[in-house]
Protein backbone atom coordinates (compact mmCIF):
# COMPACT_ATOMS: atom_id res chain seq x y z
CA MET A 1 -24.38 8.00 -24.59
CA ASN A 2 -22.08 6.85 -27.12
CA SER A 3 -18.46 4.83 -26.83
CA THR A 4 -16.28 7.80 -27.50
CA GLY A 5 -17.52 10.13 -24.75
CA GLY A 6 -17.38 7.09 -21.81
CA GLY A 7 -14.19 6.35 -23.63
CA SER A 8 -12.48 9.93 -23.09
CA TRP A 9 -13.75 9.64 -19.04
CA ILE A 10 -12.47 6.91 -18.64
CA GLY A 11 -9.04 7.79 -20.34
CA ARG A 12 -8.88 10.97 -18.32
CA GLN A 13 -9.34 9.25 -15.02
CA LEU A 14 -6.56 6.58 -15.72
CA ALA A 15 -4.82 9.65 -16.63
CA ARG A 16 -5.52 11.25 -13.41
CA ALA A 17 -4.55 8.33 -11.48
CA ARG A 18 -1.28 8.00 -13.09
CA ARG A 19 -0.34 11.11 -11.91
CA GLN A 20 -0.87 9.84 -8.17
CA TRP A 21 1.72 7.15 -8.43
CA PRO A 22 3.77 8.77 -5.70
CA ILE A 23 1.07 8.52 -2.97
CA VAL A 24 0.15 4.92 -4.06
CA LEU A 25 3.52 3.80 -4.09
CA VAL A 26 3.74 5.42 -0.09
CA LEU A 27 0.26 3.84 0.68
CA LEU A 28 1.15 0.65 -0.27
CA CYS A 29 4.50 0.73 1.66
CA LEU A 30 2.53 2.06 4.75
CA LEU A 31 0.02 -1.26 3.82
CA VAL A 32 3.18 -3.36 3.92
CA SER A 33 4.37 -1.74 7.10
CA CYS A 34 1.32 -2.04 9.33
CA ALA A 35 0.60 -5.56 8.10
CA VAL A 36 4.48 -6.36 9.19
CA LEU A 37 3.34 -4.35 12.55
CA ALA A 38 0.11 -6.67 13.12
CA THR A 39 2.15 -9.83 12.73
CA GLY A 40 3.88 -8.75 16.03
CA HIS A 41 7.57 -7.45 14.43
CA TRP A 42 7.03 -4.03 15.88
CA ARG A 43 10.66 -3.43 15.36
CA ARG A 44 10.73 -4.27 11.86
CA GLY A 45 7.38 -2.75 11.14
CA ALA A 46 8.42 0.36 12.48
CA PHE A 47 11.26 0.40 10.47
CA ALA A 48 9.55 -0.41 7.48
CA PHE A 49 6.94 2.61 8.58
CA ALA A 50 10.17 4.99 8.98
CA CYS A 51 11.79 3.84 5.77
CA THR A 52 8.09 4.54 4.12
CA VAL A 53 8.08 8.38 5.61
CA ALA A 54 11.62 8.72 4.09
CA LEU A 55 10.48 7.41 0.64
CA ALA A 56 7.68 10.14 0.84
CA GLY A 57 10.59 12.81 1.59
CA VAL A 58 12.40 11.75 -0.72
CA LEU A 59 10.22 11.34 -3.62
CA ARG A 60 8.70 15.24 -2.40
CA THR A 61 12.28 16.19 -2.75
CA LEU A 62 13.22 14.65 -6.35
CA LEU A 63 9.87 14.98 -8.10
CA PRO A 64 8.61 18.07 -9.74
CA SER A 65 5.56 19.65 -8.56
CA ARG A 66 3.67 18.81 -11.54
CA MET A 67 4.36 14.92 -11.00
CA VAL A 68 4.45 14.86 -7.19
CA GLY A 69 0.45 14.85 -6.75
CA LEU A 70 -1.31 14.36 -3.20
CA LEU A 71 2.47 14.56 -1.91
CA LYS A 72 2.62 18.35 -2.25
CA VAL A 73 0.88 19.50 1.21
CA ARG A 74 3.23 22.92 1.49
CA SER A 75 6.63 24.23 -0.48
CA ARG A 76 8.82 21.31 -1.52
CA TRP A 77 11.19 22.25 1.34
CA ALA A 78 9.06 22.49 4.08
CA ASP A 79 7.15 19.03 3.09
CA ALA A 80 10.79 17.05 2.53
CA LEU A 81 12.40 18.28 5.79
CA LEU A 82 9.07 17.43 8.34
CA LEU A 83 9.57 14.01 6.16
CA VAL A 84 13.00 13.28 6.68
CA THR A 85 12.88 14.50 10.12
CA ALA A 86 10.18 12.60 11.12
CA ALA A 87 11.60 9.53 9.43
CA ALA A 88 14.96 9.93 11.32
CA ALA A 89 13.14 10.65 15.10
CA LEU A 90 11.66 6.95 13.79
CA LEU A 91 14.49 5.11 13.36
CA VAL A 92 16.18 6.49 16.12
CA LEU A 93 13.16 4.95 18.14
CA VAL A 94 13.45 1.70 16.55
CA LEU A 95 17.43 1.98 17.37
CA VAL A 96 17.01 3.18 20.99
CA VAL A 97 13.94 1.17 22.42
CA PRO A 98 15.25 -2.32 23.61
CA ALA A 99 13.50 -5.17 22.05
CA SER A 100 11.04 -6.98 24.51
CA THR A 101 10.75 -10.58 24.86
CA PRO A 102 7.62 -12.50 24.75
CA PRO A 103 5.92 -13.48 28.05
CA SER A 104 6.65 -17.09 27.12
CA GLN A 105 9.78 -16.64 26.44
CA ARG A 106 10.79 -14.97 29.60
């Protein structure tokens, strides 16, 4: 196997990975929100999660179909409407649910 063939395969894989940057960004943000949730800050983590879902909806709305990658599931407007509605519902829950105090502070 020559180095040119291997280099072109790697180049194609890197190009394919670069096209998936929207889903990678969303997954990284979800990872951060899960880390915040794991530290016990449920309101901050849920807020970050809702913002991440909203980000996915905005990316799905603004990016052309050839650039959106794995965020494309249905039609553009169906995906965007579903994601933005879910983000709004999560934000309402974050704001409506009263904060709880830890048992040690009661």
